[in-house]
Amino acid sequence: MAGVAKTANAAKWQVFSNEKPVFSTQTAFIRCPTLTHQSLNMAKQLPSKIMYQIPRFSNSGKEYGNLYFEASEKTYLDLHNTNEMNINELQLDIVNTDETYCRDLEGQSTIVLHFRRKR
């Protein structure tokens, strides 16, 4: 299977796989449409603003109630900014595989972002 997606500026992304990916119904994603990064949503085979995949279970394996998940390592995305960025507002969305809002979440969520200079 090969997927090709074009961005508005005509750049192409090609992704090849021998199998169709299986997406869990127990997963969610963090999307940030206000930053300058670009990722690829493999479910839609289109460019996206998804930053990170988060499971819908806790570090201890719980799948219901109050869940706490902390990744064992940080993930960094290149923002492709050539100048210093002044961020006045960030919009962070928790979305499903199809990038619709997760409507079945309850309680509070905390999202921690860590910014660093590119190495």
PDB file of N, CA and C in Angstrom:
ATOM      1  N   MET A   1       0.853  -1.177   0.000  1.00  0.00           N
ATOM      2  CA  MET A   1       0.000   0.000   0.000  1.00  0.00           C
ATOM      3  C   MET A   1       0.890   1.229   0.000  1.00  0.00           C
ATOM      4  N   ALA A   2       0.590   2.163  -0.827  1.00  0.00           N
ATOM      5  CA  ALA A   2       1.338   3.417  -0.858  1.00  0.00           C
ATOM      6  C   ALA A   2       0.358   4.557  -0.721  1.00  0.00           C
ATOM      7  N   GLY A   3       0.697   5.539   0.095  1.00  0.00           N
ATOM      8  CA  GLY A   3      -0.151   6.708   0.250  1.00  0.00           C
ATOM      9  C   GLY A   3       0.620   7.943  -0.150  1.00  0.00           C
ATOM     10  N   VAL A   4       0.005   8.795  -0.901  1.00  0.00           N
ATOM     11  CA  VAL A   4       0.637  10.044  -1.304  1.00  0.00           C
ATOM     12  C   VAL A   4      -0.293  11.172  -0.901  1.00  0.00           C
ATOM     13  N   ALA A   5       0.230  12.147  -0.184  1.00  0.00           N
ATOM     14  CA  ALA A   5      -0.566  13.302   0.227  1.00  0.00           C
ATOM     15  C   ALA A   5       0.151  14.557  -0.234  1.00  0.00           C
ATOM     16  N   LYS A   6      -0.598  15.515  -0.721  1.00  0.00           N
ATOM     17  CA  LYS A   6      -0.013  16.788  -1.151  1.00  0.00           C
ATOM     18  C   LYS A   6      -0.426  17.881  -0.187  1.00  0.00           C
ATOM     19  N   THR A   7       0.522  18.725   0.144  1.00  0.00           N
ATOM     20  CA  THR A   7       0.222  19.882   0.982  1.00  0.00           C
ATOM     21  C   THR A   7      -0.136  21.049   0.076  1.00  0.00           C
ATOM     22  N   ALA A   8      -0.549  22.132   0.692  1.00  0.00           N
ATOM     23  CA  ALA A   8      -0.947  23.313  -0.070  1.00  0.00           C
ATOM     24  C   ALA A   8       0.199  23.858  -0.915  1.00  0.00           C
ATOM     25  N   ASN A   9       1.429  23.699  -0.457  1.00  0.00           N
ATOM     26  CA  ASN A   9       2.564  24.209  -1.222  1.00  0.00           C
ATOM     27  C   ASN A   9       3.152  23.146  -2.161  1.00  0.00           C
ATOM     28  N   ALA A  10       2.385  22.124  -2.471  1.00  0.00           N
ATOM     29  CA  ALA A  10       2.697  21.083  -3.457  1.00  0.00           C
ATOM     30  C   ALA A  10       3.816  20.142  -3.033  1.00  0.00           C
ATOM     31  N   ALA A  11       4.213  20.128  -1.771  1.00  0.00           N
ATOM     32  CA  ALA A  11       5.183  19.141  -1.316  1.00  0.00           C
ATOM     33  C   ALA A  11       4.506  17.780  -1.249  1.00  0.00           C
ATOM     34  N   LYS A  12       5.242  16.711  -1.502  1.00  0.00           N
ATOM     35  CA  LYS A  12       4.675  15.366  -1.475  1.00  0.00           C
ATOM     36  C   LYS A  12       5.263  14.560  -0.330  1.00  0.00           C
ATOM     37  N   TRP A  13       4.429  13.735   0.279  1.00  0.00           N
ATOM     38  CA  TRP A  13       4.858  12.774   1.276  1.00  0.00           C
ATOM     39  C   TRP A  13       4.464  11.417   0.732  1.00  0.00           C
ATOM     40  N   GLN A  14       5.367  10.457   0.701  1.00  0.00           N
ATOM     41  CA  GLN A  14       5.039   9.108   0.280  1.00  0.00           C
ATOM     42  C   GLN A  14       5.346   8.159   1.418  1.00  0.00           C
ATOM     43  N   VAL A  15       4.397   7.286   1.701  1.00  0.00           N
ATOM     44  CA  VAL A  15       4.550   6.305   2.765  1.00  0.00           C
ATOM     45  C   VAL A  15       4.187   4.949   2.192  1.00  0.00           C
ATOM     46  N   PHE A  16       5.045   3.977   2.398  1.00  0.00           N
ATOM     47  CA  PHE A  16       4.816   2.645   1.870  1.00  0.00           C
ATOM     48  C   PHE A  16       4.691   1.647   3.007  1.00  0.00           C
ATOM     49  N   SER A  17       3.794   0.699   2.846  1.00  0.00           N
ATOM     50  CA  SER A  17       3.605  -0.345   3.839  1.00  0.00           C
ATOM     51  C   SER A  17       3.088  -1.593   3.141  1.00  0.00           C
ATOM     52  N   ASN A  18       3.474  -2.741   3.659  1.00  0.00           N
ATOM     53  CA  ASN A  18       2.970  -4.000   3.113  1.00  0.00           C
ATOM     54  C   ASN A  18       1.613  -4.374   3.688  1.00  0.00           C
ATOM     55  N   GLU A  19       1.260  -3.778   4.804  1.00  0.00           N
ATOM     56  CA  GLU A  19      -0.001  -4.087   5.463  1.00  0.00           C
ATOM     57  C   GLU A  19      -0.747  -2.811   5.802  1.00  0.00           C
ATOM     58  N   LYS A  20      -2.062  -2.914   5.817  1.00  0.00           N
ATOM     59  CA  LYS A  20      -2.871  -1.782   6.250  1.00  0.00           C
ATOM     60  C   LYS A  20      -2.742  -1.664   7.767  1.00  0.00           C
ATOM     61  N   PRO A  21      -2.441  -0.478   8.292  1.00  0.00           N
ATOM     62  CA  PRO A  21      -2.272  -0.348   9.744  1.00  0.00           C
ATOM     63  C   PRO A  21      -3.588  -0.563  10.484  1.00  0.00           C
ATOM     64  N   VAL A  22      -3.477  -1.106  11.675  1.00  0.00           N
ATOM     65  CA  VAL A  22      -4.634  -1.318  12.537  1.00  0.00           C
ATOM     66  C   VAL A  22      -4.596  -0.246  13.606  1.00  0.00           C
ATOM     67  N   PHE A  23      -5.674   0.515  13.723  1.00  0.00           N
ATOM     68  CA  PHE A  23      -5.740   1.583  14.712  1.00  0.00           C
ATOM     69  C   PHE A  23      -6.633   1.157  15.862  1.00  0.00           C
ATOM     70  N   SER A  24      -6.112   1.258  17.044  1.00  0.00           N
ATOM     71  CA  SER A  24      -6.858   0.893  18.228  1.00  0.00           C
ATOM     72  C   SER A  24      -7.975   1.887  18.475  1.00  0.00           C
ATOM     73  N   THR A  25      -9.084   1.386  19.013  1.00  0.00           N
ATOM     74  CA  THR A  25     -10.147   2.293  19.428  1.00  0.00           C
ATOM     75  C   THR A  25      -9.806   2.903  20.780  1.00  0.00           C
ATOM     76  N   GLN A  26      -8.725   2.449  21.399  1.00  0.00           N
ATOM     77  CA  GLN A  26      -8.306   2.941  22.701  1.00  0.00           C
ATOM     78  C   GLN A  26      -7.113   3.876  22.579  1.00  0.00           C
ATOM     79  N   THR A  27      -7.120   4.741  21.617  1.00  0.00           N
ATOM     80  CA  THR A  27      -6.019   5.680  21.454  1.00  0.00           C
ATOM     81  C   THR A  27      -6.568   7.069  21.160  1.00  0.00           C
ATOM     82  N   ALA A  28      -5.771   8.050  21.424  1.00  0.00           N
ATOM     83  CA  ALA A  28      -6.138   9.438  21.145  1.00  0.00           C
ATOM     84  C   ALA A  28      -4.864  10.166  20.731  1.00  0.00           C
ATOM     85  N   PHE A  29      -5.029  11.364  20.229  1.00  0.00           N
ATOM     86  CA  PHE A  29      -3.896  12.121  19.723  1.00  0.00           C
ATOM     87  C   PHE A  29      -3.960  13.557  20.225  1.00  0.00           C
ATOM     88  N   ILE A  30      -2.792  14.174  20.392  1.00  0.00           N
ATOM     89  CA  ILE A  30      -2.698  15.592  20.715  1.00  0.00           C
ATOM     90  C   ILE A  30      -2.436  16.327  19.406  1.00  0.00           C
ATOM     91  N   ARG A  31      -3.291  17.289  19.101  1.00  0.00           N
ATOM     92  CA  ARG A  31      -3.141  18.098  17.888  1.00  0.00           C
ATOM     93  C   ARG A  31      -2.956  19.547  18.306  1.00  0.00           C
ATOM     94  N   CYS A  32      -2.032  20.231  17.638  1.00  0.00           N
ATOM     95  CA  CYS A  32      -1.779  21.648  17.929  1.00  0.00           C
ATOM     96  C   CYS A  32      -1.779  22.429  16.616  1.00  0.00           C
ATOM     97  N   PRO A  33      -2.934  22.959  16.211  1.00  0.00           N
ATOM     98  CA  PRO A  33      -3.005  23.674  14.941  1.00  0.00           C
ATOM     99  C   PRO A  33      -2.314  25.035  14.942  1.00  0.00           C
ATOM    100  N   THR A  34      -1.886  25.522  16.102  1.00  0.00           N
ATOM    101  CA  THR A  34      -1.282  26.853  16.165  1.00  0.00           C
ATOM    102  C   THR A  34       0.239  26.859  16.049  1.00  0.00           C
ATOM    103  N   LEU A  35       0.894  25.695  15.993  1.00  0.00           N
ATOM    104  CA  LEU A  35       2.341  25.648  15.808  1.00  0.00           C
ATOM    105  C   LEU A  35       2.678  25.394  14.343  1.00  0.00           C
ATOM    106  N   THR A  36       3.946  25.555  13.993  1.00  0.00           N
ATOM    107  CA  THR A  36       4.370  25.504  12.591  1.00  0.00           C
ATOM    108  C   THR A  36       4.818  24.124  12.124  1.00  0.00           C
ATOM    109  N   HIS A  37       4.689  23.105  12.960  1.00  0.00           N
ATOM    110  CA  HIS A  37       5.105  21.754  12.570  1.00  0.00           C
ATOM    111  C   HIS A  37       4.114  21.157  11.574  1.00  0.00           C
ATOM    112  N   GLN A  38       4.533  20.073  10.946  1.00  0.00           N
ATOM    113  CA  GLN A  38       3.621  19.324  10.090  1.00  0.00           C
ATOM    114  C   GLN A  38       3.924  17.845  10.277  1.00  0.00           C
ATOM    115  N   SER A  39       2.886  17.071  10.500  1.00  0.00           N
ATOM    116  CA  SER A  39       3.032  15.632  10.634  1.00  0.00           C
ATOM    117  C   SER A  39       2.133  14.971   9.601  1.00  0.00           C
ATOM    118  N   LEU A  40       2.023  13.666   9.674  1.00  0.00           N
ATOM    119  CA  LEU A  40       1.218  12.938   8.706  1.00  0.00           C
ATOM    120  C   LEU A  40       0.236  12.049   9.446  1.00  0.00           C
ATOM    121  N   ASN A  41      -1.043  12.198   9.171  1.00  0.00           N
ATOM    122  CA  ASN A  41      -2.068  11.343   9.741  1.00  0.00           C
ATOM    123  C   ASN A  41      -2.201  10.134   8.817  1.00  0.00           C
ATOM    124  N   MET A  42      -1.661   9.008   9.255  1.00  0.00           N
ATOM    125  CA  MET A  42      -1.664   7.811   8.412  1.00  0.00           C
ATOM    126  C   MET A  42      -3.064   7.245   8.203  1.00  0.00           C
ATOM    127  N   ALA A  43      -3.976   7.475   9.134  1.00  0.00           N
ATOM    128  CA  ALA A  43      -5.342   6.981   8.975  1.00  0.00           C
ATOM    129  C   ALA A  43      -6.040   7.701   7.828  1.00  0.00           C
ATOM    130  N   LYS A  44      -5.765   8.993   7.674  1.00  0.00           N
ATOM    131  CA  LYS A  44      -6.368   9.782   6.600  1.00  0.00           C
ATOM    132  C   LYS A  44      -5.438   9.942   5.410  1.00  0.00           C
ATOM    133  N   GLN A  45      -4.172   9.563   5.589  1.00  0.00           N
ATOM    134  CA  GLN A  45      -3.130   9.735   4.579  1.00  0.00           C
ATOM    135  C   GLN A  45      -3.053  11.188   4.094  1.00  0.00           C
ATOM    136  N   LEU A  46      -3.094  12.097   5.067  1.00  0.00           N
ATOM    137  CA  LEU A  46      -3.048  13.528   4.781  1.00  0.00           C
ATOM    138  C   LEU A  46      -2.128  14.232   5.774  1.00  0.00           C
ATOM    139  N   PRO A  47      -1.576  15.364   5.387  1.00  0.00           N
ATOM    140  CA  PRO A  47      -0.816  16.165   6.353  1.00  0.00           C
ATOM    141  C   PRO A  47      -1.705  16.558   7.526  1.00  0.00           C
ATOM    142  N   SER A  48      -1.082  16.734   8.671  1.00  0.00           N
ATOM    143  CA  SER A  48      -1.843  16.957   9.892  1.00  0.00           C
ATOM    144  C   SER A  48      -1.071  17.878  10.820  1.00  0.00           C
ATOM    145  N   LYS A  49      -1.681  18.234  11.916  1.00  0.00           N
ATOM    146  CA  LYS A  49      -1.037  18.989  12.981  1.00  0.00           C
ATOM    147  C   LYS A  49      -0.974  18.151  14.258  1.00  0.00           C
ATOM    148  N   ILE A  50      -1.105  16.835  14.115  1.00  0.00           N
ATOM    149  CA  ILE A  50      -0.989  15.935  15.256  1.00  0.00           C
ATOM    150  C   ILE A  50       0.451  15.960  15.749  1.00  0.00           C
ATOM    151  N   MET A  51       0.598  16.054  17.066  1.00  0.00           N
ATOM    152  CA  MET A  51       1.925  16.087  17.671  1.00  0.00           C
ATOM    153  C   MET A  51       2.308  14.762  18.307  1.00  0.00           C
ATOM    154  N   TYR A  52       1.324  14.073  18.884  1.00  0.00           N
ATOM    155  CA  TYR A  52       1.670  12.935  19.723  1.00  0.00           C
ATOM    156  C   TYR A  52       0.474  12.011  19.864  1.00  0.00           C
ATOM    157  N   GLN A  53       0.734  10.730  19.923  1.00  0.00           N
ATOM    158  CA  GLN A  53      -0.294   9.722  20.175  1.00  0.00           C
ATOM    159  C   GLN A  53      -0.286   9.397  21.659  1.00  0.00           C
ATOM    160  N   ILE A  54      -1.453   9.410  22.270  1.00  0.00           N
ATOM    161  CA  ILE A  54      -1.547   9.050  23.692  1.00  0.00           C
ATOM    162  C   ILE A  54      -2.490   7.858  23.839  1.00  0.00           C
ATOM    163  N   PRO A  55      -2.112   6.888  24.642  1.00  0.00           N
ATOM    164  CA  PRO A  55      -3.004   5.747  24.857  1.00  0.00           C
ATOM    165  C   PRO A  55      -4.149   6.131  25.781  1.00  0.00           C
ATOM    166  N   ARG A  56      -5.194   5.363  25.748  1.00  0.00           N
ATOM    167  CA  ARG A  56      -6.321   5.617  26.646  1.00  0.00           C
ATOM    168  C   ARG A  56      -6.300   4.585  27.759  1.00  0.00           C
ATOM    169  N   PHE A  57      -5.123   4.469  28.372  1.00  0.00           N
ATOM    170  CA  PHE A  57      -4.939   3.645  29.553  1.00  0.00           C
ATOM    171  C   PHE A  57      -3.814   4.274  30.363  1.00  0.00           C
ATOM    172  N   SER A  58      -3.685   3.883  31.603  1.00  0.00           N
ATOM    173  CA  SER A  58      -2.682   4.494  32.473  1.00  0.00           C
ATOM    174  C   SER A  58      -1.370   3.726  32.420  1.00  0.00           C
ATOM    175  N   ASN A  59      -0.343   4.283  33.064  1.00  0.00           N
ATOM    176  CA  ASN A  59       0.943   3.582  33.154  1.00  0.00           C
ATOM    177  C   ASN A  59       0.797   2.244  33.871  1.00  0.00           C
ATOM    178  N   SER A  60      -0.184   2.131  34.756  1.00  0.00           N
ATOM    179  CA  SER A  60      -0.393   0.882  35.494  1.00  0.00           C
ATOM    180  C   SER A  60      -1.318  -0.085  34.754  1.00  0.00           C
ATOM    181  N   GLY A  61      -1.835   0.319  33.582  1.00  0.00           N
ATOM    182  CA  GLY A  61      -2.680  -0.578  32.788  1.00  0.00           C
ATOM    183  C   GLY A  61      -4.172  -0.385  32.974  1.00  0.00           C
ATOM    184  N   LYS A  62      -4.580   0.547  33.841  1.00  0.00           N
ATOM    185  CA  LYS A  62      -6.014   0.816  34.029  1.00  0.00           C
ATOM    186  C   LYS A  62      -6.618   1.373  32.749  1.00  0.00           C
ATOM    187  N   GLU A  63      -7.849   0.985  32.436  1.00  0.00           N
ATOM    188  CA  GLU A  63      -8.516   1.469  31.231  1.00  0.00           C
ATOM    189  C   GLU A  63      -9.771   2.278  31.533  1.00  0.00           C
ATOM    190  N   TYR A  64     -10.035   2.562  32.790  1.00  0.00           N
ATOM    191  CA  TYR A  64     -11.222   3.329  33.157  1.00  0.00           C
ATOM    192  C   TYR A  64     -10.938   4.110  34.433  1.00  0.00           C
ATOM    193  N   GLY A  65     -11.819   5.066  34.728  1.00  0.00           N
ATOM    194  CA  GLY A  65     -11.615   5.896  35.910  1.00  0.00           C
ATOM    195  C   GLY A  65     -10.562   6.954  35.656  1.00  0.00           C
ATOM    196  N   ASN A  66      -9.953   7.441  36.731  1.00  0.00           N
ATOM    197  CA  ASN A  66      -8.883   8.433  36.591  1.00  0.00           C
ATOM    198  C   ASN A  66      -7.641   7.741  36.040  1.00  0.00           C
ATOM    199  N   LEU A  67      -7.170   8.215  34.893  1.00  0.00           N
ATOM    200  CA  LEU A  67      -6.016   7.611  34.241  1.00  0.00           C
ATOM    201  C   LEU A  67      -4.853   8.593  34.250  1.00  0.00           C
ATOM    202  N   TYR A  68      -3.666   8.091  34.493  1.00  0.00           N
ATOM    203  CA  TYR A  68      -2.462   8.908  34.430  1.00  0.00           C
ATOM    204  C   TYR A  68      -1.474   8.182  33.537  1.00  0.00           C
ATOM    205  N   PHE A  69      -1.041   8.848  32.468  1.00  0.00           N
ATOM    206  CA  PHE A  69      -0.043   8.265  31.576  1.00  0.00           C
ATOM    207  C   PHE A  69       1.090   9.249  31.404  1.00  0.00           C
ATOM    208  N   GLU A  70       2.299   8.774  31.599  1.00  0.00           N
ATOM    209  CA  GLU A  70       3.490   9.585  31.362  1.00  0.00           C
ATOM    210  C   GLU A  70       4.429   8.773  30.482  1.00  0.00           C
ATOM    211  N   ALA A  71       4.768   9.331  29.332  1.00  0.00           N
ATOM    212  CA  ALA A  71       5.673   8.635  28.413  1.00  0.00           C
ATOM    213  C   ALA A  71       7.037   8.471  29.051  1.00  0.00           C
ATOM    214  N   SER A  72       7.713   7.374  28.732  1.00  0.00           N
ATOM    215  CA  SER A  72       9.027   7.113  29.329  1.00  0.00           C
ATOM    216  C   SER A  72      10.122   7.990  28.724  1.00  0.00           C
ATOM    217  N   GLU A  73       9.881   8.551  27.552  1.00  0.00           N
ATOM    218  CA  GLU A  73      10.858   9.464  26.951  1.00  0.00           C
ATOM    219  C   GLU A  73      10.143  10.567  26.194  1.00  0.00           C
ATOM    220  N   LYS A  74      10.833  11.666  25.985  1.00  0.00           N
ATOM    221  CA  LYS A  74      10.247  12.818  25.298  1.00  0.00           C
ATOM    222  C   LYS A  74      10.307  12.626  23.787  1.00  0.00           C
ATOM    223  N   THR A  75       9.344  13.214  23.103  1.00  0.00           N
ATOM    224  CA  THR A  75       9.317  13.227  21.643  1.00  0.00           C
ATOM    225  C   THR A  75       9.404  14.676  21.205  1.00  0.00           C
ATOM    226  N   TYR A  76      10.310  14.967  20.274  1.00  0.00           N
ATOM    227  CA  TYR A  76      10.475  16.337  19.799  1.00  0.00           C
ATOM    228  C   TYR A  76      10.128  16.412  18.319  1.00  0.00           C
ATOM    229  N   LEU A  77       9.433  17.470  17.953  1.00  0.00           N
ATOM    230  CA  LEU A  77       9.098  17.732  16.553  1.00  0.00           C
ATOM    231  C   LEU A  77       9.798  19.004  16.114  1.00  0.00           C
ATOM    232  N   ASP A  78      10.294  19.009  14.902  1.00  0.00           N
ATOM    233  CA  ASP A  78      10.925  20.202  14.343  1.00  0.00           C
ATOM    234  C   ASP A  78       9.825  21.187  13.953  1.00  0.00           C
ATOM    235  N   LEU A  79       9.888  22.388  14.483  1.00  0.00           N
ATOM    236  CA  LEU A  79       8.885  23.409  14.166  1.00  0.00           C
ATOM    237  C   LEU A  79       9.239  24.194  12.904  1.00  0.00           C
ATOM    238  N   HIS A  80      10.431  23.971  12.373  1.00  0.00           N
ATOM    239  CA  HIS A  80      10.884  24.611  11.133  1.00  0.00           C
ATOM    240  C   HIS A  80      10.870  26.137  11.221  1.00  0.00           C
ATOM    241  N   ASN A  81      11.070  26.669  12.406  1.00  0.00           N
ATOM    242  CA  ASN A  81      11.126  28.124  12.542  1.00  0.00           C
ATOM    243  C   ASN A  81      12.572  28.573  12.380  1.00  0.00           C
ATOM    244  N   THR A  82      12.778  29.597  11.578  1.00  0.00           N
ATOM    245  CA  THR A  82      14.128  30.108  11.359  1.00  0.00           C
ATOM    246  C   THR A  82      14.459  31.247  12.318  1.00  0.00           C
ATOM    247  N   ASN A  83      13.453  31.870  12.884  1.00  0.00           N
ATOM    248  CA  ASN A  83      13.648  32.960  13.845  1.00  0.00           C
ATOM    249  C   ASN A  83      13.068  32.549  15.190  1.00  0.00           C
ATOM    250  N   GLU A  84      13.424  33.312  16.214  1.00  0.00           N
ATOM    251  CA  GLU A  84      12.875  33.070  17.537  1.00  0.00           C
ATOM    252  C   GLU A  84      11.351  33.195  17.494  1.00  0.00           C
ATOM    253  N   MET A  85      10.665  32.304  18.190  1.00  0.00           N
ATOM    254  CA  MET A  85       9.198  32.323  18.204  1.00  0.00           C
ATOM    255  C   MET A  85       8.694  32.946  19.500  1.00  0.00           C
ATOM    256  N   ASN A  86       7.711  33.804  19.376  1.00  0.00           N
ATOM    257  CA  ASN A  86       6.981  34.313  20.528  1.00  0.00           C
ATOM    258  C   ASN A  86       5.602  33.697  20.469  1.00  0.00           C
ATOM    259  N   ILE A  87       5.291  32.874  21.438  1.00  0.00           N
ATOM    260  CA  ILE A  87       4.012  32.161  21.441  1.00  0.00           C
ATOM    261  C   ILE A  87       3.070  32.856  22.410  1.00  0.00           C
ATOM    262  N   ASN A  88       1.993  33.416  21.869  1.00  0.00           N
ATOM    263  CA  ASN A  88       0.988  34.086  22.692  1.00  0.00           C
ATOM    264  C   ASN A  88      -0.155  33.150  23.064  1.00  0.00           C
ATOM    265  N   GLU A  89      -0.396  32.189  22.215  1.00  0.00           N
ATOM    266  CA  GLU A  89      -1.534  31.291  22.439  1.00  0.00           C
ATOM    267  C   GLU A  89      -1.257  29.946  21.788  1.00  0.00           C
ATOM    268  N   LEU A  90      -1.580  28.883  22.498  1.00  0.00           N
ATOM    269  CA  LEU A  90      -1.500  27.537  21.939  1.00  0.00           C
ATOM    270  C   LEU A  90      -2.875  26.903  22.017  1.00  0.00           C
ATOM    271  N   GLN A  91      -3.294  26.308  20.938  1.00  0.00           N
ATOM    272  CA  GLN A  91      -4.532  25.537  20.947  1.00  0.00           C
ATOM    273  C   GLN A  91      -4.129  24.076  20.936  1.00  0.00           C
ATOM    274  N   LEU A  92      -4.530  23.335  21.933  1.00  0.00           N
ATOM    275  CA  LEU A  92      -4.243  21.904  22.010  1.00  0.00           C
ATOM    276  C   LEU A  92      -5.560  21.149  22.019  1.00  0.00           C
ATOM    277  N   ASP A  93      -5.683  20.196  21.108  1.00  0.00           N
ATOM    278  CA  ASP A  93      -6.900  19.409  20.986  1.00  0.00           C
ATOM    279  C   ASP A  93      -6.583  17.947  21.262  1.00  0.00           C
ATOM    280  N   ILE A  94      -7.474  17.247  21.925  1.00  0.00           N
ATOM    281  CA  ILE A  94      -7.377  15.793  22.062  1.00  0.00           C
ATOM    282  C   ILE A  94      -8.367  15.215  21.069  1.00  0.00           C
ATOM    283  N   VAL A  95      -7.838  14.482  20.085  1.00  0.00           N
ATOM    284  CA  VAL A  95      -8.659  14.018  18.972  1.00  0.00           C
ATOM    285  C   VAL A  95      -8.545  12.511  18.779  1.00  0.00           C
ATOM    286  N   ASN A  96      -9.507  11.969  18.042  1.00  0.00           N
ATOM    287  CA  ASN A  96      -9.516  10.560  17.656  1.00  0.00           C
ATOM    288  C   ASN A  96      -8.655  10.368  16.408  1.00  0.00           C
ATOM    289  N   THR A  97      -8.562   9.140  15.944  1.00  0.00           N
ATOM    290  CA  THR A  97      -7.787   8.820  14.743  1.00  0.00           C
ATOM    291  C   THR A  97      -8.224   9.639  13.540  1.00  0.00           C
ATOM    292  N   ASP A  98      -9.531   9.904  13.421  1.00  0.00           N
ATOM    293  CA  ASP A  98     -10.043  10.678  12.286  1.00  0.00           C
ATOM    294  C   ASP A  98      -9.990  12.186  12.531  1.00  0.00           C
ATOM    295  N   GLU A  99      -9.345  12.587  13.603  1.00  0.00           N
ATOM    296  CA  GLU A  99      -9.137  13.983  14.005  1.00  0.00           C
ATOM    297  C   GLU A  99     -10.408  14.709  14.435  1.00  0.00           C
ATOM    298  N   THR A 100     -11.449  13.966  14.785  1.00  0.00           N
ATOM    299  CA  THR A 100     -12.605  14.568  15.447  1.00  0.00           C
ATOM    300  C   THR A 100     -12.288  14.632  16.941  1.00  0.00           C
ATOM    301  N   TYR A 101     -12.881  15.596  17.635  1.00  0.00           N
ATOM    302  CA  TYR A 101     -12.626  15.743  19.060  1.00  0.00           C
ATOM    303  C   TYR A 101     -13.047  14.495  19.818  1.00  0.00           C
ATOM    304  N   CYS A 102     -12.238  14.104  20.818  1.00  0.00           N
ATOM    305  CA  CYS A 102     -12.609  13.010  21.723  1.00  0.00           C
ATOM    306  C   CYS A 102     -13.718  13.540  22.627  1.00  0.00           C
ATOM    307  N   ARG A 103     -14.918  13.068  22.440  1.00  0.00           N
ATOM    308  CA  ARG A 103     -16.070  13.566  23.209  1.00  0.00           C
ATOM    309  C   ARG A 103     -16.395  12.684  24.409  1.00  0.00           C
ATOM    310  N   ASP A 104     -15.721  11.543  24.517  1.00  0.00           N
ATOM    311  CA  ASP A 104     -16.061  10.612  25.597  1.00  0.00           C
ATOM    312  C   ASP A 104     -15.104  10.707  26.786  1.00  0.00           C
ATOM    313  N   LEU A 105     -14.318  11.775  26.855  1.00  0.00           N
ATOM    314  CA  LEU A 105     -13.413  11.975  27.985  1.00  0.00           C
ATOM    315  C   LEU A 105     -14.138  12.748  29.086  1.00  0.00           C
ATOM    316  N   GLU A 106     -13.785  12.447  30.329  1.00  0.00           N
ATOM    317  CA  GLU A 106     -14.377  13.142  31.464  1.00  0.00           C
ATOM    318  C   GLU A 106     -13.276  13.597  32.395  1.00  0.00           C
ATOM    319  N   GLY A 107     -13.574  14.598  33.208  1.00  0.00           N
ATOM    320  CA  GLY A 107     -12.606  15.068  34.183  1.00  0.00           C
ATOM    321  C   GLY A 107     -11.632  16.055  33.573  1.00  0.00           C
ATOM    322  N   GLN A 108     -10.411  16.048  34.066  1.00  0.00           N
ATOM    323  CA  GLN A 108      -9.392  17.002  33.641  1.00  0.00           C
ATOM    324  C   GLN A 108      -8.254  16.274  32.944  1.00  0.00           C
ATOM    325  N   SER A 109      -7.603  16.988  32.054  1.00  0.00           N
ATOM    326  CA  SER A 109      -6.412  16.472  31.382  1.00  0.00           C
ATOM    327  C   SER A 109      -5.315  17.509  31.493  1.00  0.00           C
ATOM    328  N   THR A 110      -4.102  17.038  31.612  1.00  0.00           N
ATOM    329  CA  THR A 110      -2.934  17.910  31.644  1.00  0.00           C
ATOM    330  C   THR A 110      -2.012  17.492  30.513  1.00  0.00           C
ATOM    331  N   ILE A 111      -1.600  18.450  29.716  1.00  0.00           N
ATOM    332  CA  ILE A 111      -0.672  18.199  28.624  1.00  0.00           C
ATOM    333  C   ILE A 111       0.569  19.047  28.897  1.00  0.00           C
ATOM    334  N   VAL A 112       1.720  18.411  28.909  1.00  0.00           N
ATOM    335  CA  VAL A 112       2.971  19.109  29.174  1.00  0.00           C
ATOM    336  C   VAL A 112       3.774  19.156  27.881  1.00  0.00           C
ATOM    337  N   LEU A 113       4.147  20.355  27.467  1.00  0.00           N
ATOM    338  CA  LEU A 113       4.992  20.536  26.287  1.00  0.00           C
ATOM    339  C   LEU A 113       6.372  20.980  26.741  1.00  0.00           C
ATOM    340  N   HIS A 114       7.381  20.480  26.070  1.00  0.00           N
ATOM    341  CA  HIS A 114       8.762  20.850  26.383  1.00  0.00           C
ATOM    342  C   HIS A 114       9.397  21.349  25.096  1.00  0.00           C
ATOM    343  N   PHE A 115       9.885  22.579  25.108  1.00  0.00           N
ATOM    344  CA  PHE A 115      10.528  23.176  23.937  1.00  0.00           C
ATOM    345  C   PHE A 115      12.024  23.238  24.165  1.00  0.00           C
ATOM    346  N   ARG A 116      12.787  22.995  23.119  1.00  0.00           N
ATOM    347  CA  ARG A 116      14.236  23.130  23.194  1.00  0.00           C
ATOM    348  C   ARG A 116      14.775  23.590  21.846  1.00  0.00           C
ATOM    349  N   ARG A 117      15.987  24.095  21.877  1.00  0.00           N
ATOM    350  CA  ARG A 117      16.661  24.466  20.622  1.00  0.00           C
ATOM    351  C   ARG A 117      17.011  23.193  19.859  1.00  0.00           C
ATOM    352  N   LYS A 118      16.967  23.302  18.552  1.00  0.00           N
ATOM    353  CA  LYS A 118      17.319  22.172  17.698  1.00  0.00           C
ATOM    354  C   LYS A 118      18.801  21.862  17.851  1.00  0.00           C
ATOM    355  N   ARG A 119      19.133  20.613  17.980  1.00  0.00           N
ATOM    356  CA  ARG A 119      20.527  20.196  18.116  1.00  0.00           C
ATOM    357  C   ARG A 119      21.205  20.138  16.777  1.00  0.00           C
TER     358      ARG A 119
END
